[in-house]
Amino acid sequence: MSEQLQGVEVQVGPQGRLVIPASLRRAWQIERGQILIARLDGERLVLEKPAQVLRRVKGRFAALRGQPSLADELIAERRAEARREAVS
């Protein structure tokens, strides 16, 4: 996105609505009816496409790939305990 498009004023309209200016919609390639995710980041309101959120979350947990699943370990422990109880 060009420097010129990064700082565009928008006004809060009736019912708290914001209109994303056409220049930003074109630059960001968003269309009418498209879903965006809104979140607060400190004092900022951030809008993201769902695919961007998914990439960010996957990146955050990428270090866990290949690690043992804690859920699988818990299930295995519970099943082992159930077998011990059944034998008693």
Protein backbone atom coordinates (compact mmCIF):
# COMPACT_ATOMS: atom_id res chain seq x y z
CA MET A 1 0.00 0.00 0.00
CA SER A 2 1.43 3.36 -0.88
CA GLU A 3 2.38 5.94 1.74
CA GLN A 4 -0.35 8.23 0.40
CA LEU A 5 -3.11 5.73 1.31
CA GLN A 6 -1.96 4.91 4.83
CA GLY A 7 -3.31 7.99 6.60
CA VAL A 8 -6.88 8.61 5.48
CA GLU A 9 -9.41 10.23 7.79
CA VAL A 10 -12.74 8.51 8.30
CA GLN A 11 -15.71 9.86 10.20
CA VAL A 12 -17.90 7.88 12.55
CA GLY A 13 -21.39 8.11 11.10
CA PRO A 14 -24.86 7.37 12.37
CA GLN A 15 -25.09 4.24 14.48
CA GLY A 16 -21.29 4.22 14.91
CA ARG A 17 -20.57 3.14 11.35
CA LEU A 18 -17.30 3.72 9.52
CA VAL A 19 -16.98 3.87 5.76
CA ILE A 20 -13.68 2.62 4.36
CA PRO A 21 -12.75 5.03 1.57
CA ALA A 22 -12.78 3.60 -1.95
CA SER A 23 -9.05 4.22 -2.39
CA LEU A 24 -8.29 2.01 0.61
CA ARG A 25 -10.79 -0.66 -0.46
CA ARG A 26 -9.16 -0.85 -3.87
CA ALA A 27 -5.63 -0.91 -2.48
CA TRP A 28 -6.59 -3.60 0.05
CA GLN A 29 -8.68 -5.49 -2.52
CA ILE A 30 -11.80 -5.74 -0.39
CA GLU A 31 -15.28 -5.85 -1.81
CA ARG A 32 -18.75 -5.08 -0.59
CA GLY A 33 -20.03 -7.73 1.80
CA GLN A 34 -16.57 -9.10 2.57
CA ILE A 35 -16.00 -10.10 6.20
CA LEU A 36 -13.27 -8.33 8.17
CA ILE A 37 -12.09 -9.05 11.71
CA ALA A 38 -11.93 -6.01 14.03
CA ARG A 39 -9.84 -6.02 17.19
CA LEU A 40 -8.36 -3.55 19.61
CA ASP A 41 -4.58 -3.36 19.83
CA GLY A 42 -3.88 -0.99 22.69
CA GLU A 43 -5.31 2.33 21.55
CA ARG A 44 -5.68 1.23 17.91
CA LEU A 45 -8.59 -0.36 16.06
CA VAL A 46 -7.21 -2.96 13.65
CA LEU A 47 -9.14 -4.43 10.71
CA GLU A 48 -7.86 -7.66 9.17
CA LYS A 49 -8.99 -10.16 6.59
CA PRO A 50 -9.75 -13.58 8.13
CA ALA A 51 -6.92 -15.14 6.09
CA GLN A 52 -4.47 -12.65 7.63
CA VAL A 53 -5.67 -13.56 11.13
CA LEU A 54 -5.26 -17.26 10.36
CA ARG A 55 -1.69 -16.73 9.08
CA ARG A 56 -0.81 -14.69 12.17
CA VAL A 57 -2.19 -17.30 14.56
CA LYS A 58 -0.52 -20.17 12.71
CA GLY A 59 2.77 -18.27 12.83
CA ARG A 60 2.41 -17.75 16.56
CA PHE A 61 2.05 -21.50 17.14
CA ALA A 62 4.47 -22.68 14.44
CA ALA A 63 7.10 -23.50 17.07
CA LEU A 64 4.78 -26.15 18.50
CA ARG A 65 4.75 -28.21 15.29
CA GLY A 66 6.24 -31.62 15.89
CA GLN A 67 5.76 -31.32 19.65
CA PRO A 68 3.76 -34.01 21.44
CA SER A 69 0.07 -33.24 21.77
CA LEU A 70 -0.83 -32.55 25.39
CA ALA A 71 -4.39 -33.68 24.67
CA ASP A 72 -3.13 -37.01 23.27
CA GLU A 73 -0.89 -37.47 26.31
CA LEU A 74 -3.78 -36.80 28.69
CA ILE A 75 -6.07 -39.23 26.85
CA ALA A 76 -3.36 -41.92 26.94
CA GLU A 77 -2.89 -41.38 30.70
CA ARG A 78 -6.64 -41.60 31.35
CA ARG A 79 -6.94 -44.79 29.29
CA ALA A 80 -3.99 -46.37 31.11
CA GLU A 81 -5.58 -45.44 34.44
CA ALA A 82 -8.92 -46.94 33.32
CA ARG A 83 -7.15 -50.18 32.37
CA ARG A 84 -5.43 -50.33 35.80
CA GLU A 85 -8.77 -49.78 37.52
CA ALA A 86 -10.45 -52.49 35.43
CA VAL A 87 -7.77 -55.04 36.44
CA SER A 88 -8.10 -54.26 40.18
